PDB file of N, CA and C in Angstrom:
ATOM      1  N   UNK A   1      -4.597   7.868 -20.359  1.00  0.00           N
ATOM      2  CA  UNK A   1      -3.221   7.573 -20.016  1.00  0.00           C
ATOM      3  C   UNK A   1      -2.829   6.248 -20.687  1.00  0.00           C
ATOM      4  N   UNK A   2      -1.704   6.257 -21.360  1.00  0.00           N
ATOM      5  CA  UNK A   2      -1.281   5.018 -22.010  1.00  0.00           C
ATOM      6  C   UNK A   2      -0.544   4.111 -21.024  1.00  0.00           C
ATOM      7  N   UNK A   3      -0.250   2.898 -21.466  1.00  0.00           N
ATOM      8  CA  UNK A   3       0.374   1.910 -20.583  1.00  0.00           C
ATOM      9  C   UNK A   3       1.745   2.353 -20.106  1.00  0.00           C
ATOM     10  N   UNK A   4       2.521   2.966 -20.967  1.00  0.00           N
ATOM     11  CA  UNK A   4       3.861   3.394 -20.557  1.00  0.00           C
ATOM     12  C   UNK A   4       3.783   4.445 -19.448  1.00  0.00           C
ATOM     13  N   UNK A   5       2.836   5.357 -19.555  1.00  0.00           N
ATOM     14  CA  UNK A   5       2.663   6.353 -18.499  1.00  0.00           C
ATOM     15  C   UNK A   5       2.286   5.684 -17.178  1.00  0.00           C
ATOM     16  N   UNK A   6       1.449   4.651 -17.254  1.00  0.00           N
ATOM     17  CA  UNK A   6       1.057   3.915 -16.049  1.00  0.00           C
ATOM     18  C   UNK A   6       2.280   3.200 -15.464  1.00  0.00           C
ATOM     19  N   UNK A   7       3.062   2.551 -16.317  1.00  0.00           N
ATOM     20  CA  UNK A   7       4.264   1.843 -15.865  1.00  0.00           C
ATOM     21  C   UNK A   7       5.242   2.815 -15.210  1.00  0.00           C
ATOM     22  N   UNK A   8       5.359   3.993 -15.763  1.00  0.00           N
ATOM     23  CA  UNK A   8       6.268   5.001 -15.205  1.00  0.00           C
ATOM     24  C   UNK A   8       5.867   5.447 -13.802  1.00  0.00           C
ATOM     25  N   UNK A   9       4.608   5.223 -13.414  1.00  0.00           N
ATOM     26  CA  UNK A   9       4.130   5.628 -12.083  1.00  0.00           C
ATOM     27  C   UNK A   9       4.503   4.635 -10.985  1.00  0.00           C
ATOM     28  N   UNK A  10       4.866   3.419 -11.344  1.00  0.00           N
ATOM     29  CA  UNK A  10       5.130   2.393 -10.340  1.00  0.00           C
ATOM     30  C   UNK A  10       6.141   2.835  -9.283  1.00  0.00           C
ATOM     31  N   UNK A  11       7.308   3.377  -9.654  1.00  0.00           N
ATOM     32  CA  UNK A  11       8.264   3.791  -8.613  1.00  0.00           C
ATOM     33  C   UNK A  11       7.705   4.874  -7.690  1.00  0.00           C
ATOM     34  N   UNK A  12       6.906   5.779  -8.225  1.00  0.00           N
ATOM     35  CA  UNK A  12       6.325   6.847  -7.411  1.00  0.00           C
ATOM     36  C   UNK A  12       5.293   6.281  -6.435  1.00  0.00           C
ATOM     37  N   UNK A  13       4.521   5.311  -6.883  1.00  0.00           N
ATOM     38  CA  UNK A  13       3.518   4.691  -6.014  1.00  0.00           C
ATOM     39  C   UNK A  13       4.217   3.894  -4.913  1.00  0.00           C
ATOM     40  N   UNK A  14       5.284   3.164  -5.265  1.00  0.00           N
ATOM     41  CA  UNK A  14       6.053   2.417  -4.262  1.00  0.00           C
ATOM     42  C   UNK A  14       6.621   3.380  -3.214  1.00  0.00           C
ATOM     43  N   UNK A  15       7.179   4.485  -3.667  1.00  0.00           N
ATOM     44  CA  UNK A  15       7.745   5.468  -2.742  1.00  0.00           C
ATOM     45  C   UNK A  15       6.674   6.014  -1.802  1.00  0.00           C
ATOM     46  N   UNK A  16       5.501   6.315  -2.348  1.00  0.00           N
ATOM     47  CA  UNK A  16       4.404   6.823  -1.515  1.00  0.00           C
ATOM     48  C   UNK A  16       3.970   5.769  -0.498  1.00  0.00           C
ATOM     49  N   UNK A  17       3.911   4.511  -0.924  1.00  0.00           N
ATOM     50  CA  UNK A  17       3.522   3.432  -0.012  1.00  0.00           C
ATOM     51  C   UNK A  17       4.571   3.247   1.076  1.00  0.00           C
ATOM     52  N   UNK A  18       5.843   3.333   0.722  1.00  0.00           N
ATOM     53  CA  UNK A  18       6.912   3.191   1.715  1.00  0.00           C
ATOM     54  C   UNK A  18       6.887   4.338   2.725  1.00  0.00           C
ATOM     55  N   UNK A  19       6.599   5.541   2.260  1.00  0.00           N
ATOM     56  CA  UNK A  19       6.485   6.679   3.188  1.00  0.00           C
ATOM     57  C   UNK A  19       5.283   6.506   4.110  1.00  0.00           C
ATOM     58  N   UNK A  20       4.181   6.003   3.569  1.00  0.00           N
ATOM     59  CA  UNK A  20       2.995   5.756   4.392  1.00  0.00           C
ATOM     60  C   UNK A  20       3.296   4.682   5.435  1.00  0.00           C
ATOM     61  N   UNK A  21       4.060   3.670   5.049  1.00  0.00           N
ATOM     62  CA  UNK A  21       4.431   2.619   5.984  1.00  0.00           C
ATOM     63  C   UNK A  21       5.324   3.177   7.097  1.00  0.00           C
ATOM     64  N   UNK A  22       6.256   4.038   6.741  1.00  0.00           N
ATOM     65  CA  UNK A  22       7.107   4.698   7.746  1.00  0.00           C
ATOM     66  C   UNK A  22       6.250   5.516   8.715  1.00  0.00           C
ATOM     67  N   UNK A  23       5.258   6.216   8.174  1.00  0.00           N
ATOM     68  CA  UNK A  23       4.368   7.017   9.022  1.00  0.00           C
ATOM     69  C   UNK A  23       3.587   6.117   9.975  1.00  0.00           C
ATOM     70  N   UNK A  24       3.161   4.954   9.491  1.00  0.00           N
ATOM     71  CA  UNK A  24       2.440   4.013  10.360  1.00  0.00           C
ATOM     72  C   UNK A  24       3.339   3.564  11.503  1.00  0.00           C
ATOM     73  N   UNK A  25       4.558   3.155  11.187  1.00  0.00           N
ATOM     74  CA  UNK A  25       5.487   2.688  12.216  1.00  0.00           C
ATOM     75  C   UNK A  25       5.735   3.793  13.242  1.00  0.00           C
ATOM     76  N   UNK A  26       5.883   5.017  12.790  1.00  0.00           N
ATOM     77  CA  UNK A  26       6.111   6.142  13.681  1.00  0.00           C
ATOM     78  C   UNK A  26       4.894   6.561  14.474  1.00  0.00           C
ATOM     79  N   UNK A  27       3.718   6.107  14.062  1.00  0.00           N
ATOM     80  CA  UNK A  27       2.485   6.522  14.730  1.00  0.00           C
ATOM     81  C   UNK A  27       2.280   5.846  16.084  1.00  0.00           C
ATOM     82  N   UNK A  28       2.917   4.720  16.289  1.00  0.00           N
ATOM     83  CA  UNK A  28       2.736   3.993  17.540  1.00  0.00           C
ATOM     84  C   UNK A  28       1.464   3.165  17.606  1.00  0.00           C
ATOM     85  N   UNK A  29       0.732   3.084  16.516  1.00  0.00           N
ATOM     86  CA  UNK A  29      -0.486   2.275  16.483  1.00  0.00           C
ATOM     87  C   UNK A  29      -0.094   0.809  16.598  1.00  0.00           C
ATOM     88  N   UNK A  30      -0.768   0.086  17.460  1.00  0.00           N
ATOM     89  CA  UNK A  30      -0.473  -1.330  17.635  1.00  0.00           C
ATOM     90  C   UNK A  30      -1.328  -2.167  16.705  1.00  0.00           C
ATOM     91  N   UNK A  31      -0.703  -3.173  16.117  1.00  0.00           N
ATOM     92  CA  UNK A  31      -1.382  -4.120  15.250  1.00  0.00           C
ATOM     93  C   UNK A  31      -0.533  -5.383  15.213  1.00  0.00           C
ATOM     94  N   UNK A  32      -0.925  -6.355  14.413  1.00  0.00           N
ATOM     95  CA  UNK A  32      -0.223  -7.636  14.365  1.00  0.00           C
ATOM     96  C   UNK A  32       0.807  -7.603  13.240  1.00  0.00           C
ATOM     97  N   UNK A  33       2.057  -7.304  13.614  1.00  0.00           N
ATOM     98  CA  UNK A  33       3.149  -7.279  12.642  1.00  0.00           C
ATOM     99  C   UNK A  33       4.473  -7.483  13.358  1.00  0.00           C
ATOM    100  N   UNK A  34       5.514  -7.759  12.593  1.00  0.00           N
ATOM    101  CA  UNK A  34       6.846  -7.948  13.145  1.00  0.00           C
ATOM    102  C   UNK A  34       7.558  -6.600  13.139  1.00  0.00           C
ATOM    103  N   UNK A  35       7.770  -5.990  14.304  1.00  0.00           N
ATOM    104  CA  UNK A  35       8.430  -4.677  14.358  1.00  0.00           C
ATOM    105  C   UNK A  35       9.804  -4.720  13.684  1.00  0.00           C
ATOM    106  N   UNK A  36      10.089  -3.696  12.932  1.00  0.00           N
ATOM    107  CA  UNK A  36      11.382  -3.582  12.268  1.00  0.00           C
ATOM    108  C   UNK A  36      11.504  -4.336  10.969  1.00  0.00           C
ATOM    109  N   UNK A  37      10.547  -5.205  10.653  1.00  0.00           N
ATOM    110  CA  UNK A  37      10.650  -6.010   9.435  1.00  0.00           C
ATOM    111  C   UNK A  37       9.598  -5.675   8.373  1.00  0.00           C
ATOM    112  N   UNK A  38       8.698  -4.756   8.664  1.00  0.00           N
ATOM    113  CA  UNK A  38       7.674  -4.402   7.680  1.00  0.00           C
ATOM    114  C   UNK A  38       8.325  -3.845   6.422  1.00  0.00           C
ATOM    115  N   UNK A  39       7.819  -4.277   5.268  1.00  0.00           N
ATOM    116  CA  UNK A  39       8.329  -3.720   4.013  1.00  0.00           C
ATOM    117  C   UNK A  39       7.313  -3.912   2.898  1.00  0.00           C
ATOM    118  N   UNK A  40       7.346  -2.991   1.951  1.00  0.00           N
ATOM    119  CA  UNK A  40       6.530  -3.100   0.750  1.00  0.00           C
ATOM    120  C   UNK A  40       7.249  -4.092  -0.160  1.00  0.00           C
ATOM    121  N   UNK A  41       6.561  -5.182  -0.521  1.00  0.00           N
ATOM    122  CA  UNK A  41       7.213  -6.173  -1.369  1.00  0.00           C
ATOM    123  C   UNK A  41       6.663  -6.200  -2.791  1.00  0.00           C
ATOM    124  N   UNK A  42       5.509  -5.555  -3.016  1.00  0.00           N
ATOM    125  CA  UNK A  42       4.971  -5.548  -4.371  1.00  0.00           C
ATOM    126  C   UNK A  42       4.020  -4.372  -4.556  1.00  0.00           C
ATOM    127  N   UNK A  43       4.034  -3.840  -5.760  1.00  0.00           N
ATOM    128  CA  UNK A  43       3.101  -2.803  -6.183  1.00  0.00           C
ATOM    129  C   UNK A  43       2.504  -3.275  -7.503  1.00  0.00           C
ATOM    130  N   UNK A  44       1.187  -3.321  -7.559  1.00  0.00           N
ATOM    131  CA  UNK A  44       0.505  -3.766  -8.776  1.00  0.00           C
ATOM    132  C   UNK A  44      -0.599  -2.775  -9.107  1.00  0.00           C
ATOM    133  N   UNK A  45      -1.002  -2.770 -10.358  1.00  0.00           N
ATOM    134  CA  UNK A  45      -2.113  -1.936 -10.781  1.00  0.00           C
ATOM    135  C   UNK A  45      -3.203  -2.860 -11.280  1.00  0.00           C
ATOM    136  N   UNK A  46      -4.421  -2.669 -10.770  1.00  0.00           N
ATOM    137  CA  UNK A  46      -5.536  -3.549 -11.096  1.00  0.00           C
ATOM    138  C   UNK A  46      -6.635  -2.756 -11.795  1.00  0.00           C
ATOM    139  N   UNK A  47      -7.030  -3.229 -12.963  1.00  0.00           N
ATOM    140  CA  UNK A  47      -8.116  -2.622 -13.730  1.00  0.00           C
ATOM    141  C   UNK A  47      -9.282  -3.598 -13.703  1.00  0.00           C
ATOM    142  N   UNK A  48     -10.410  -3.161 -13.140  1.00  0.00           N
ATOM    143  CA  UNK A  48     -11.572  -4.027 -12.978  1.00  0.00           C
ATOM    144  C   UNK A  48     -12.486  -3.961 -14.194  1.00  0.00           C
ATOM    145  N   UNK A  49     -13.266  -4.992 -14.395  1.00  0.00           N
ATOM    146  CA  UNK A  49     -14.138  -5.072 -15.561  1.00  0.00           C
ATOM    147  C   UNK A  49     -15.186  -3.957 -15.603  1.00  0.00           C
ATOM    148  N   UNK A  50     -15.500  -3.365 -14.448  1.00  0.00           N
ATOM    149  CA  UNK A  50     -16.475  -2.271 -14.438  1.00  0.00           C
ATOM    150  C   UNK A  50     -15.839  -0.915 -14.734  1.00  0.00           C
ATOM    151  N   UNK A  51     -14.530  -0.913 -15.002  1.00  0.00           N
ATOM    152  CA  UNK A  51     -13.836   0.325 -15.335  1.00  0.00           C
ATOM    153  C   UNK A  51     -13.102   0.965 -14.175  1.00  0.00           C
ATOM    154  N   UNK A  52     -13.394   0.520 -12.951  1.00  0.00           N
ATOM    155  CA  UNK A  52     -12.648   1.026 -11.801  1.00  0.00           C
ATOM    156  C   UNK A  52     -11.222   0.488 -11.845  1.00  0.00           C
ATOM    157  N   UNK A  53     -10.339   1.186 -11.187  1.00  0.00           N
ATOM    158  CA  UNK A  53      -8.964   0.723 -11.099  1.00  0.00           C
ATOM    159  C   UNK A  53      -8.383   1.159  -9.773  1.00  0.00           C
ATOM    160  N   UNK A  54      -7.346   0.451  -9.340  1.00  0.00           N
ATOM    161  CA  UNK A  54      -6.691   0.765  -8.083  1.00  0.00           C
ATOM    162  C   UNK A  54      -5.293   0.168  -8.078  1.00  0.00           C
ATOM    163  N   UNK A  55      -4.484   0.705  -7.209  1.00  0.00           N
ATOM    164  CA  UNK A  55      -3.174   0.140  -6.958  1.00  0.00           C
ATOM    165  C   UNK A  55      -3.329  -0.900  -5.869  1.00  0.00           C
ATOM    166  N   UNK A  56      -2.566  -1.968  -5.964  1.00  0.00           N
ATOM    167  CA  UNK A  56      -2.572  -3.013  -4.947  1.00  0.00           C
ATOM    168  C   UNK A  56      -1.166  -3.056  -4.354  1.00  0.00           C
ATOM    169  N   UNK A  57      -1.080  -2.784  -3.064  1.00  0.00           N
ATOM    170  CA  UNK A  57       0.193  -2.710  -2.347  1.00  0.00           C
ATOM    171  C   UNK A  57       0.277  -3.915  -1.410  1.00  0.00           C
ATOM    172  N   UNK A  58       1.325  -4.699  -1.535  1.00  0.00           N
ATOM    173  CA  UNK A  58       1.512  -5.853  -0.652  1.00  0.00           C
ATOM    174  C   UNK A  58       2.623  -5.538   0.341  1.00  0.00           C
ATOM    175  N   UNK A  59       2.291  -5.720   1.614  1.00  0.00           N
ATOM    176  CA  UNK A  59       3.232  -5.458   2.698  1.00  0.00           C
ATOM    177  C   UNK A  59       3.547  -6.771   3.399  1.00  0.00           C
ATOM    178  N   UNK A  60       4.840  -7.041   3.554  1.00  0.00           N
ATOM    179  CA  UNK A  60       5.314  -8.270   4.175  1.00  0.00           C
ATOM    180  C   UNK A  60       5.571  -8.064   5.661  1.00  0.00           C
ATOM    181  N   UNK A  61       5.465  -9.151   6.410  1.00  0.00           N
ATOM    182  CA  UNK A  61       5.724  -9.208   7.854  1.00  0.00           C
ATOM    183  C   UNK A  61       4.612  -8.580   8.687  1.00  0.00           C
ATOM    184  N   UNK A  62       3.390  -8.694   8.176  1.00  0.00           N
ATOM    185  CA  UNK A  62       2.208  -8.284   8.939  1.00  0.00           C
ATOM    186  C   UNK A  62       1.125  -9.338   8.721  1.00  0.00           C
ATOM    187  N   UNK A  63       0.359  -9.584   9.742  1.00  0.00           N
ATOM    188  CA  UNK A  63      -0.696 -10.594   9.655  1.00  0.00           C
ATOM    189  C   UNK A  63      -1.769 -10.166   8.658  1.00  0.00           C
ATOM    190  N   UNK A  64      -2.393 -11.135   7.999  1.00  0.00           N
ATOM    191  CA  UNK A  64      -3.499 -10.802   7.098  1.00  0.00           C
ATOM    192  C   UNK A  64      -4.618 -10.030   7.797  1.00  0.00           C
ATOM    193  N   UNK A  65      -4.733 -10.203   9.107  1.00  0.00           N
ATOM    194  CA  UNK A  65      -5.774  -9.484   9.857  1.00  0.00           C
ATOM    195  C   UNK A  65      -5.269  -8.175  10.467  1.00  0.00           C
ATOM    196  N   UNK A  66      -4.190  -7.632   9.957  1.00  0.00           N
ATOM    197  CA  UNK A  66      -3.647  -6.347  10.450  1.00  0.00           C
ATOM    198  C   UNK A  66      -4.474  -5.193   9.857  1.00  0.00           C
ATOM    199  N   UNK A  67      -5.709  -5.094  10.312  1.00  0.00           N
ATOM    200  CA  UNK A  67      -6.658  -4.125   9.757  1.00  0.00           C
ATOM    201  C   UNK A  67      -6.243  -2.674   9.991  1.00  0.00           C
ATOM    202  N   UNK A  68      -5.721  -2.371  11.154  1.00  0.00           N
ATOM    203  CA  UNK A  68      -5.322  -0.992  11.436  1.00  0.00           C
ATOM    204  C   UNK A  68      -4.218  -0.541  10.491  1.00  0.00           C
ATOM    205  N   UNK A  69      -3.254  -1.417  10.262  1.00  0.00           N
ATOM    206  CA  UNK A  69      -2.159  -1.101   9.345  1.00  0.00           C
ATOM    207  C   UNK A  69      -2.700  -0.859   7.933  1.00  0.00           C
ATOM    208  N   UNK A  70      -3.535  -1.781   7.450  1.00  0.00           N
ATOM    209  CA  UNK A  70      -4.084  -1.653   6.093  1.00  0.00           C
ATOM    210  C   UNK A  70      -4.876  -0.364   5.934  1.00  0.00           C
ATOM    211  N   UNK A  71      -5.757  -0.074   6.893  1.00  0.00           N
ATOM    212  CA  UNK A  71      -6.581   1.133   6.798  1.00  0.00           C
ATOM    213  C   UNK A  71      -5.728   2.405   6.880  1.00  0.00           C
ATOM    214  N   UNK A  72      -4.701   2.388   7.704  1.00  0.00           N
ATOM    215  CA  UNK A  72      -3.808   3.542   7.817  1.00  0.00           C
ATOM    216  C   UNK A  72      -3.129   3.818   6.472  1.00  0.00           C
ATOM    217  N   UNK A  73      -2.567   2.788   5.854  1.00  0.00           N
ATOM    218  CA  UNK A  73      -1.857   2.956   4.577  1.00  0.00           C
ATOM    219  C   UNK A  73      -2.840   3.383   3.482  1.00  0.00           C
ATOM    220  N   UNK A  74      -3.988   2.735   3.410  1.00  0.00           N
ATOM    221  CA  UNK A  74      -4.983   3.090   2.395  1.00  0.00           C
ATOM    222  C   UNK A  74      -5.442   4.537   2.561  1.00  0.00           C
ATOM    223  N   UNK A  75      -5.681   4.967   3.799  1.00  0.00           N
ATOM    224  CA  UNK A  75      -6.098   6.346   4.060  1.00  0.00           C
ATOM    225  C   UNK A  75      -5.013   7.342   3.697  1.00  0.00           C
ATOM    226  N   UNK A  76      -3.773   7.009   4.045  1.00  0.00           N
ATOM    227  CA  UNK A  76      -2.645   7.880   3.723  1.00  0.00           C
ATOM    228  C   UNK A  76      -2.520   8.051   2.215  1.00  0.00           C
ATOM    229  N   UNK A  77      -2.628   6.960   1.485  1.00  0.00           N
ATOM    230  CA  UNK A  77      -2.527   7.036   0.022  1.00  0.00           C
ATOM    231  C   UNK A  77      -3.742   7.754  -0.582  1.00  0.00           C
ATOM    232  N   UNK A  78      -4.917   7.539  -0.017  1.00  0.00           N
ATOM    233  CA  UNK A  78      -6.123   8.203  -0.528  1.00  0.00           C
ATOM    234  C   UNK A  78      -5.994   9.722  -0.412  1.00  0.00           C
ATOM    235  N   UNK A  79      -5.363  10.191   0.663  1.00  0.00           N
ATOM    236  CA  UNK A  79      -5.155  11.634   0.811  1.00  0.00           C
ATOM    237  C   UNK A  79      -4.208  12.175  -0.257  1.00  0.00           C
ATOM    238  N   UNK A  80      -3.470  11.306  -0.885  1.00  0.00           N
ATOM    239  CA  UNK A  80      -2.573  11.692  -1.990  1.00  0.00           C
ATOM    240  C   UNK A  80      -3.210  11.382  -3.351  1.00  0.00           C
ATOM    241  N   UNK A  81      -4.517  11.099  -3.318  1.00  0.00           N
ATOM    242  CA  UNK A  81      -5.263  10.754  -4.537  1.00  0.00           C
ATOM    243  C   UNK A  81      -4.729   9.501  -5.212  1.00  0.00           C
ATOM    244  N   UNK A  82      -4.334   8.533  -4.388  1.00  0.00           N
ATOM    245  CA  UNK A  82      -3.878   7.243  -4.896  1.00  0.00           C
ATOM    246  C   UNK A  82      -4.857   6.183  -4.395  1.00  0.00           C
ATOM    247  N   UNK A  83      -5.779   5.739  -5.256  1.00  0.00           N
ATOM    248  CA  UNK A  83      -6.702   4.687  -4.826  1.00  0.00           C
ATOM    249  C   UNK A  83      -5.922   3.384  -4.680  1.00  0.00           C
ATOM    250  N   UNK A  84      -5.993   2.778  -3.501  1.00  0.00           N
ATOM    251  CA  UNK A  84      -5.186   1.577  -3.268  1.00  0.00           C
ATOM    252  C   UNK A  84      -5.885   0.604  -2.337  1.00  0.00           C
ATOM    253  N   UNK A  85      -5.555  -0.645  -2.543  1.00  0.00           N
ATOM    254  CA  UNK A  85      -5.946  -1.723  -1.636  1.00  0.00           C
ATOM    255  C   UNK A  85      -4.637  -2.275  -1.094  1.00  0.00           C
ATOM    256  N   UNK A  86      -4.572  -2.464   0.218  1.00  0.00           N
ATOM    257  CA  UNK A  86      -3.351  -2.962   0.842  1.00  0.00           C
ATOM    258  C   UNK A  86      -3.603  -4.413   1.279  1.00  0.00           C
ATOM    259  N   UNK A  87      -2.655  -5.259   0.949  1.00  0.00           N
ATOM    260  CA  UNK A  87      -2.680  -6.668   1.353  1.00  0.00           C
ATOM    261  C   UNK A  87      -1.502  -6.871   2.293  1.00  0.00           C
ATOM    262  N   UNK A  88      -1.753  -7.530   3.418  1.00  0.00           N
ATOM    263  CA  UNK A  88      -0.677  -7.829   4.359  1.00  0.00           C
ATOM    264  C   UNK A  88      -0.501  -9.336   4.426  1.00  0.00           C
ATOM    265  N   UNK A  89       0.756  -9.745   4.520  1.00  0.00           N
ATOM    266  CA  UNK A  89       1.050 -11.182   4.598  1.00  0.00           C
ATOM    267  C   UNK A  89       2.325 -11.419   5.388  1.00  0.00           C
ATOM    268  N   UNK A  90       2.426 -12.609   5.922  1.00  0.00           N
ATOM    269  CA  UNK A  90       3.626 -13.010   6.652  1.00  0.00           C
ATOM    270  C   UNK A  90       4.634 -13.432   5.644  1.00  0.00           C
TER     271      UNK A  90
END
């Protein structure tokens, strides 16, 4: 896949992350975040020196220790064959 094809995927990955975030909010799972203010603020693609790669999704208005939220989003994206790491920040 060339770089342009990868760049073209960014909006689709953001949309998938936003849908996963909506599903989390609707799930009723409790974690450390500001209700009503959660949002995806960044989508990045990371290529590691060992050849692995993943999407990095940053979600605002959740504590860095919001493990349930991060695992929920990562699992949701993994079921869509989107390898991702989720970062949460205030």
